[in-house]
C-alpha atoms as a PDB file:
ATOM      1  CA  MET A   1       5.634  -1.749 -16.520  1.00  0.00           C
ATOM      2  CA  ALA A   2       5.832   1.154 -14.098  1.00  0.00           C
ATOM      3  CA  THR A   3       5.941   4.876 -14.558  1.00  0.00           C
ATOM      4  CA  LYS A   4       9.017   7.093 -14.278  1.00  0.00           C
ATOM      5  CA  LEU A   5       8.908   9.977 -11.843  1.00  0.00           C
ATOM      6  CA  THR A   6       9.778  13.313 -13.436  1.00  0.00           C
ATOM      7  CA  PRO A   7      12.214  14.697 -12.588  1.00  0.00           C
ATOM      8  CA  ASN A   8      14.084  11.581 -11.483  1.00  0.00           C
ATOM      9  CA  PRO A   9      17.858  11.691 -11.993  1.00  0.00           C
ATOM     10  CA  THR A  10      18.292   7.947 -11.492  1.00  0.00           C
ATOM     11  CA  SER A  11      15.407   7.008 -13.839  1.00  0.00           C
ATOM     12  CA  GLU A  12      14.103   4.526 -11.288  1.00  0.00           C
ATOM     13  CA  THR A  13      10.662   3.157 -12.031  1.00  0.00           C
ATOM     14  CA  ILE A  14       7.818   3.466  -9.557  1.00  0.00           C
ATOM     15  CA  ALA A  15       4.465   1.663  -9.445  1.00  0.00           C
ATOM     16  CA  ALA A  16       1.626   1.698  -6.926  1.00  0.00           C
ATOM     17  CA  LEU A  17      -0.068  -1.268  -5.261  1.00  0.00           C
ATOM     18  CA  ILE A  18      -3.341  -0.991  -3.333  1.00  0.00           C
ATOM     19  CA  LEU A  19      -4.308  -3.694  -0.837  1.00  0.00           C
ATOM     20  CA  ALA A  20      -7.997  -4.555  -0.526  1.00  0.00           C
ATOM     21  CA  GLY A  21     -10.160  -7.485   0.480  1.00  0.00           C
ATOM     22  CA  GLY A  22      -9.797  -7.652   4.262  1.00  0.00           C
ATOM     23  CA  LYS A  23     -12.540  -9.005   6.504  1.00  0.00           C
ATOM     24  CA  SER A  24     -13.546  -5.514   7.758  1.00  0.00           C
ATOM     25  CA  ARG A  25     -15.209  -7.026  10.828  1.00  0.00           C
ATOM     26  CA  ARG A  26     -15.382  -3.773  12.814  1.00  0.00           C
ATOM     27  CA  MET A  27     -16.719  -1.842   9.838  1.00  0.00           C
ATOM     28  CA  GLY A  28     -19.455  -4.406   9.219  1.00  0.00           C
ATOM     29  CA  GLN A  29     -18.936  -4.284   5.444  1.00  0.00           C
ATOM     30  CA  ASP A  30     -16.103  -4.208   2.937  1.00  0.00           C
ATOM     31  CA  LYS A  31     -14.159  -1.022   3.725  1.00  0.00           C
ATOM     32  CA  ALA A  32     -13.089  -0.615   0.110  1.00  0.00           C
ATOM     33  CA  LEU A  33     -16.727  -0.048  -0.873  1.00  0.00           C
ATOM     34  CA  VAL A  34     -17.659   2.331   1.955  1.00  0.00           C
ATOM     35  CA  GLU A  35     -18.208   5.890   0.751  1.00  0.00           C
ATOM     36  CA  PHE A  36     -16.443   8.922   2.190  1.00  0.00           C
ATOM     37  CA  GLU A  37     -17.764  12.271   1.008  1.00  0.00           C
ATOM     38  CA  GLY A  38     -19.712  10.417  -1.662  1.00  0.00           C
ATOM     39  CA  VAL A  39     -16.790   8.437  -3.093  1.00  0.00           C
ATOM     40  CA  PRO A  40     -15.885   4.790  -2.252  1.00  0.00           C
ATOM     41  CA  LEU A  41     -12.682   4.595  -0.230  1.00  0.00           C
ATOM     42  CA  LEU A  42     -10.986   2.364  -2.788  1.00  0.00           C
ATOM     43  CA  GLN A  43     -11.737   4.831  -5.551  1.00  0.00           C
ATOM     44  CA  ARG A  44     -10.363   7.730  -3.500  1.00  0.00           C
ATOM     45  CA  VAL A  45      -7.119   5.891  -2.811  1.00  0.00           C
ATOM     46  CA  TYR A  46      -6.790   4.886  -6.462  1.00  0.00           C
ATOM     47  CA  ASN A  47      -7.201   8.491  -7.586  1.00  0.00           C
ATOM     48  CA  VAL A  48      -4.387   9.615  -5.270  1.00  0.00           C
ATOM     49  CA  ALA A  49      -2.149   6.716  -6.310  1.00  0.00           C
ATOM     50  CA  HIS A  50      -2.680   7.618  -9.955  1.00  0.00           C
ATOM     51  CA  GLN A  51      -1.494  11.154  -9.237  1.00  0.00           C
ATOM     52  CA  CYS A  52       1.872   9.627  -8.360  1.00  0.00           C
ATOM     53  CA  CYS A  53       2.174   6.636 -10.687  1.00  0.00           C
ATOM     54  CA  SER A  54       0.759   5.952 -14.126  1.00  0.00           C
ATOM     55  CA  GLN A  55       0.792   2.230 -13.363  1.00  0.00           C
ATOM     56  CA  VAL A  56      -1.485   1.301 -10.455  1.00  0.00           C
ATOM     57  CA  TYR A  57      -2.215  -2.240  -9.292  1.00  0.00           C
ATOM     58  CA  LEU A  58      -4.827  -3.666  -6.944  1.00  0.00           C
ATOM     59  CA  ILE A  59      -4.395  -6.993  -5.189  1.00  0.00           C
ATOM     60  CA  ALA A  60      -7.300  -8.687  -3.427  1.00  0.00           C
ATOM     61  CA  PRO A  61      -8.754 -12.162  -2.841  1.00  0.00           C
ATOM     62  CA  TRP A  62     -11.925 -11.183  -4.739  1.00  0.00           C
ATOM     63  CA  ILE A  63     -11.016  -8.802  -7.527  1.00  0.00           C
ATOM     64  CA  ASP A  64     -14.350  -9.042  -9.368  1.00  0.00           C
ATOM     65  CA  ARG A  65     -15.973  -7.097  -6.541  1.00  0.00           C
ATOM     66  CA  TYR A  66     -13.924  -4.017  -7.407  1.00  0.00           C
ATOM     67  CA  ARG A  67     -13.869  -4.000 -11.220  1.00  0.00           C
ATOM     68  CA  THR A  68     -16.630  -1.424 -11.609  1.00  0.00           C
ATOM     69  CA  LEU A  69     -14.925   1.010  -9.217  1.00  0.00           C
ATOM     70  CA  LEU A  70     -11.649   1.189 -11.108  1.00  0.00           C
ATOM     71  CA  PRO A  71     -10.706   2.141 -14.670  1.00  0.00           C
ATOM     72  CA  PRO A  72      -9.590  -0.561 -17.125  1.00  0.00           C
ATOM     73  CA  SER A  73      -6.031   0.784 -16.868  1.00  0.00           C
ATOM     74  CA  CYS A  74      -5.803  -0.402 -13.249  1.00  0.00           C
ATOM     75  CA  HIS A  75      -4.164  -3.822 -13.117  1.00  0.00           C
ATOM     76  CA  LEU A  76      -6.083  -6.314 -10.955  1.00  0.00           C
ATOM     77  CA  LEU A  77      -3.995  -9.018  -9.275  1.00  0.00           C
ATOM     78  CA  GLN A  78      -5.570 -12.102  -7.739  1.00  0.00           C
ATOM     79  CA  GLU A  79      -4.399 -12.726  -4.188  1.00  0.00           C
ATOM     80  CA  THR A  80      -4.175 -16.424  -3.376  1.00  0.00           C
ATOM     81  CA  THR A  81      -4.602 -18.144  -0.045  1.00  0.00           C
ATOM     82  CA  PHE A  82      -2.714 -21.130   1.297  1.00  0.00           C
ATOM     83  CA  PRO A  83      -4.591 -24.460   1.571  1.00  0.00           C
ATOM     84  CA  GLU A  84      -3.878 -24.798   5.303  1.00  0.00           C
ATOM     85  CA  GLU A  85      -5.202 -21.337   6.179  1.00  0.00           C
ATOM     86  CA  LEU A  86      -8.355 -21.042   8.253  1.00  0.00           C
ATOM     87  CA  GLU A  87      -8.138 -17.258   8.640  1.00  0.00           C
ATOM     88  CA  PRO A  88      -6.996 -14.511   6.236  1.00  0.00           C
ATOM     89  CA  HIS A  89      -3.219 -14.384   6.079  1.00  0.00           C
ATOM     90  CA  GLY A  90      -3.019 -10.619   6.447  1.00  0.00           C
ATOM     91  CA  PRO A  91      -1.600  -7.766   4.375  1.00  0.00           C
ATOM     92  CA  LEU A  92       2.041  -8.879   4.430  1.00  0.00           C
ATOM     93  CA  ILE A  93       1.264 -11.862   2.195  1.00  0.00           C
ATOM     94  CA  GLY A  94      -0.777  -9.742  -0.189  1.00  0.00           C
ATOM     95  CA  PHE A  95       2.094  -7.290  -0.428  1.00  0.00           C
ATOM     96  CA  ALA A  96       4.600 -10.051  -1.181  1.00  0.00           C
ATOM     97  CA  GLN A  97       2.363 -11.611  -3.820  1.00  0.00           C
ATOM     98  CA  GLY A  98       1.810  -8.259  -5.492  1.00  0.00           C
ATOM     99  CA  LEU A  99       5.461  -7.224  -5.352  1.00  0.00           C
ATOM    100  CA  GLY A 100       6.431 -10.494  -7.025  1.00  0.00           C
ATOM    101  CA  GLN A 101       4.267  -9.655 -10.052  1.00  0.00           C
ATOM    102  CA  ILE A 102       5.216  -6.000 -10.572  1.00  0.00           C
ATOM    103  CA  GLN A 103       8.266  -4.786 -12.459  1.00  0.00           C
ATOM    104  CA  ALA A 104       9.440  -1.583 -10.800  1.00  0.00           C
ATOM    105  CA  ASP A 105      12.378  -0.328  -8.780  1.00  0.00           C
ATOM    106  CA  TRP A 106      10.090   1.098  -6.090  1.00  0.00           C
ATOM    107  CA  LEU A 107       6.545   0.214  -5.065  1.00  0.00           C
ATOM    108  CA  LEU A 108       4.140   2.635  -3.421  1.00  0.00           C
ATOM    109  CA  LEU A 109       2.051   0.466  -1.094  1.00  0.00           C
ATOM    110  CA  LEU A 110      -1.321   1.801   0.066  1.00  0.00           C
ATOM    111  CA  ALA A 111      -4.178   0.432   2.132  1.00  0.00           C
ATOM    112  CA  CYS A 112      -7.623   0.933   0.621  1.00  0.00           C
ATOM    113  CA  ASP A 113      -9.007   2.731   3.690  1.00  0.00           C
ATOM    114  CA  LEU A 114      -7.069   6.016   3.814  1.00  0.00           C
ATOM    115  CA  PRO A 115      -9.704   8.729   3.254  1.00  0.00           C
ATOM    116  CA  GLN A 116      -7.359  11.639   4.008  1.00  0.00           C
ATOM    117  CA  LEU A 117      -4.522  10.513   1.748  1.00  0.00           C
ATOM    118  CA  GLN A 118      -2.683  13.461   0.177  1.00  0.00           C
ATOM    119  CA  GLY A 119      -1.081  13.072  -3.221  1.00  0.00           C
ATOM    120  CA  GLU A 120       1.233  16.046  -2.789  1.00  0.00           C
ATOM    121  CA  VAL A 121       2.739  14.459   0.331  1.00  0.00           C
ATOM    122  CA  LEU A 122       3.366  11.169  -1.473  1.00  0.00           C
ATOM    123  CA  GLN A 123       4.945  13.067  -4.359  1.00  0.00           C
ATOM    124  CA  GLY A 124       7.234  14.810  -1.878  1.00  0.00           C
ATOM    125  CA  TRP A 125       8.333  11.428  -0.556  1.00  0.00           C
ATOM    126  CA  MET A 126       8.990  10.272  -4.105  1.00  0.00           C
ATOM    127  CA  GLN A 127      11.448  13.094  -4.573  1.00  0.00           C
ATOM    128  CA  ARG A 128      13.524  11.627  -1.737  1.00  0.00           C
ATOM    129  CA  LEU A 129      13.863   8.161  -3.284  1.00  0.00           C
ATOM    130  CA  PRO A 130      16.787   8.877  -5.657  1.00  0.00           C
ATOM    131  CA  SER A 131      18.949  10.148  -2.790  1.00  0.00           C
ATOM    132  CA  LEU A 132      18.435   7.127  -0.528  1.00  0.00           C
ATOM    133  CA  ASP A 133      21.315   4.775   0.089  1.00  0.00           C
ATOM    134  CA  ARG A 134      20.991   1.440  -1.715  1.00  0.00           C
ATOM    135  CA  SER A 135      20.778  -0.301   1.646  1.00  0.00           C
ATOM    136  CA  VAL A 136      17.478   1.443   2.459  1.00  0.00           C
ATOM    137  CA  MET A 137      14.619  -0.939   1.693  1.00  0.00           C
ATOM    138  CA  ALA A 138      11.675   1.298   2.571  1.00  0.00           C
ATOM    139  CA  LEU A 139      10.623   4.909   3.055  1.00  0.00           C
ATOM    140  CA  LEU A 140       7.767   4.955   5.564  1.00  0.00           C
ATOM    141  CA  PRO A 141       6.074   7.301   8.024  1.00  0.00           C
ATOM    142  CA  LYS A 142       6.245   6.451  11.699  1.00  0.00           C
ATOM    143  CA  HIS A 143       3.712   6.469  14.506  1.00  0.00           C
ATOM    144  CA  PRO A 144       4.151   5.819  18.261  1.00  0.00           C
ATOM    145  CA  LYS A 145       3.668   2.055  17.827  1.00  0.00           C
ATOM    146  CA  GLY A 146       6.154   1.700  14.988  1.00  0.00           C
ATOM    147  CA  TRP A 147       6.249   2.081  11.226  1.00  0.00           C
ATOM    148  CA  GLU A 148       3.127   2.752   9.162  1.00  0.00           C
ATOM    149  CA  PRO A 149       3.648  -0.029   6.610  1.00  0.00           C
ATOM    150  CA  LEU A 150       0.563   0.511   4.435  1.00  0.00           C
ATOM    151  CA  CYS A 151       1.378   4.023   3.252  1.00  0.00           C
ATOM    152  CA  GLY A 152       4.878   4.260   1.872  1.00  0.00           C
ATOM    153  CA  PHE A 153       7.526   3.132  -0.575  1.00  0.00           C
ATOM    154  CA  TYR A 154       9.392  -0.181  -0.778  1.00  0.00           C
ATOM    155  CA  ARG A 155      12.416  -1.055  -2.871  1.00  0.00           C
ATOM    156  CA  SER A 156      11.706  -4.138  -5.004  1.00  0.00           C
ATOM    157  CA  GLN A 157      15.000  -5.643  -3.844  1.00  0.00           C
ATOM    158  CA  CYS A 158      13.366  -6.343  -0.479  1.00  0.00           C
ATOM    159  CA  LEU A 159      11.379  -9.252  -1.949  1.00  0.00           C
ATOM    160  CA  PRO A 160      13.873 -12.093  -1.228  1.00  0.00           C
ATOM    161  CA  ALA A 161      14.152 -11.095   2.446  1.00  0.00           C
ATOM    162  CA  LEU A 162      10.386 -10.700   2.642  1.00  0.00           C
ATOM    163  CA  ASN A 163       9.747 -14.137   1.154  1.00  0.00           C
ATOM    164  CA  ALA A 164      12.280 -15.696   3.518  1.00  0.00           C
ATOM    165  CA  TYR A 165      10.539 -14.099   6.504  1.00  0.00           C
ATOM    166  CA  ILE A 166       7.158 -15.392   5.310  1.00  0.00           C
ATOM    167  CA  ALA A 167       8.556 -18.882   4.691  1.00  0.00           C
ATOM    168  CA  GLN A 168       9.603 -18.973   8.355  1.00  0.00           C
ATOM    169  CA  GLY A 169       6.019 -18.263   9.393  1.00  0.00           C
ATOM    170  CA  GLY A 170       6.307 -14.484   9.735  1.00  0.00           C
ATOM    171  CA  ARG A 171       3.135 -12.485   9.149  1.00  0.00           C
ATOM    172  CA  SER A 172       3.886  -9.168  10.891  1.00  0.00           C
ATOM    173  CA  PHE A 173       4.938  -6.076   8.972  1.00  0.00           C
ATOM    174  CA  GLN A 174       6.537  -4.664  12.123  1.00  0.00           C
ATOM    175  CA  GLY A 175       8.433  -7.883  12.730  1.00  0.00           C
ATOM    176  CA  TRP A 176       9.810  -7.963   9.205  1.00  0.00           C
ATOM    177  CA  LEU A 177      10.634  -4.257   9.114  1.00  0.00           C
ATOM    178  CA  SER A 178      12.634  -4.599  12.318  1.00  0.00           C
ATOM    179  CA  SER A 179      15.236  -6.507  10.281  1.00  0.00           C
ATOM    180  CA  GLN A 180      15.287  -3.997   7.394  1.00  0.00           C
ATOM    181  CA  ILE A 181      16.854  -0.565   6.957  1.00  0.00           C
ATOM    182  CA  VAL A 182      13.961   1.901   6.811  1.00  0.00           C
ATOM    183  CA  GLN A 183      14.096   5.658   6.271  1.00  0.00           C
ATOM    184  CA  GLU A 184      11.439   7.774   7.962  1.00  0.00           C
ATOM    185  CA  ALA A 185       9.109   9.766   5.699  1.00  0.00           C
ATOM    186  CA  PRO A 186       8.059  13.152   7.124  1.00  0.00           C
ATOM    187  CA  VAL A 187       4.395  13.772   7.940  1.00  0.00           C
ATOM    188  CA  SER A 188       3.210  17.233   8.940  1.00  0.00           C
ATOM    189  CA  ASP A 189      -0.475  16.249   9.140  1.00  0.00           C
ATOM    190  CA  PRO A 190      -1.049  12.956  11.035  1.00  0.00           C
ATOM    191  CA  GLN A 191      -4.665  12.905   9.780  1.00  0.00           C
ATOM    192  CA  MET A 192      -3.327  11.679   6.444  1.00  0.00           C
ATOM    193  CA  LEU A 193      -2.433   8.324   7.974  1.00  0.00           C
ATOM    194  CA  LEU A 194      -5.730   7.668   9.732  1.00  0.00           C
ATOM    195  CA  ASN A 195      -7.431   4.585   8.400  1.00  0.00           C
ATOM    196  CA  CYS A 196     -11.085   3.710   8.866  1.00  0.00           C
ATOM    197  CA  ASN A 197     -11.995   0.608  10.833  1.00  0.00           C
ATOM    198  CA  THR A 198     -15.448   1.582  12.130  1.00  0.00           C
ATOM    199  CA  PRO A 199     -18.402   3.639  10.836  1.00  0.00           C
ATOM    200  CA  GLN A 200     -17.833   6.071  13.726  1.00  0.00           C
ATOM    201  CA  GLN A 201     -14.327   6.878  12.459  1.00  0.00           C
ATOM    202  CA  LEU A 202     -15.727   7.778   9.073  1.00  0.00           C
ATOM    203  CA  ILE A 203     -18.217  10.159  10.655  1.00  0.00           C
ATOM    204  CA  LEU A 204     -15.505  11.845  12.730  1.00  0.00           C
ATOM    205  CA  GLU A 205     -13.216  12.285   9.730  1.00  0.00           C
ATOM    206  CA  SER A 206     -15.850  13.651   7.367  1.00  0.00           C
END
């Protein structure tokens, strides 16, 4: 079960889900295991997620790789691939599989490669959730190319529409979000949303 935000006048439950297990081709190694300021990226993201939610989940194709980085209280979910797939199916599928296994009204979705993630900012976003109209399916920050889908909140009620989009062959977060009502989450420091795809980016951010 998920944690309750305090104070939260609607008593809506909130859990966190971290996505890991991508190919990390440009990084040259698993990004989740790369250290930033002496701490693996996955561990840093988990620590921030746990500041916001007592129940934190990780979904990945190879969960055994990450067991030693995370406390026993972190729930590890096995991401499954489709038999016909020759390449990784991308984060949208992992999100859908995780969302289908978590009981919560809202899900905080986070990529594992956000070294500058700020818990106080996420907590500020959480305070906005009770006031959102029921038609709003996500609270996400925005960048010039569109929504930032891997650092924000999703209402669990979005799952049927998400599964329908995937069943039609959809794999793009931006494509799916274009059909949903999304509220913009404020970001005063864009550095918080920078993810790490190359070793050079890690050096510049440290």
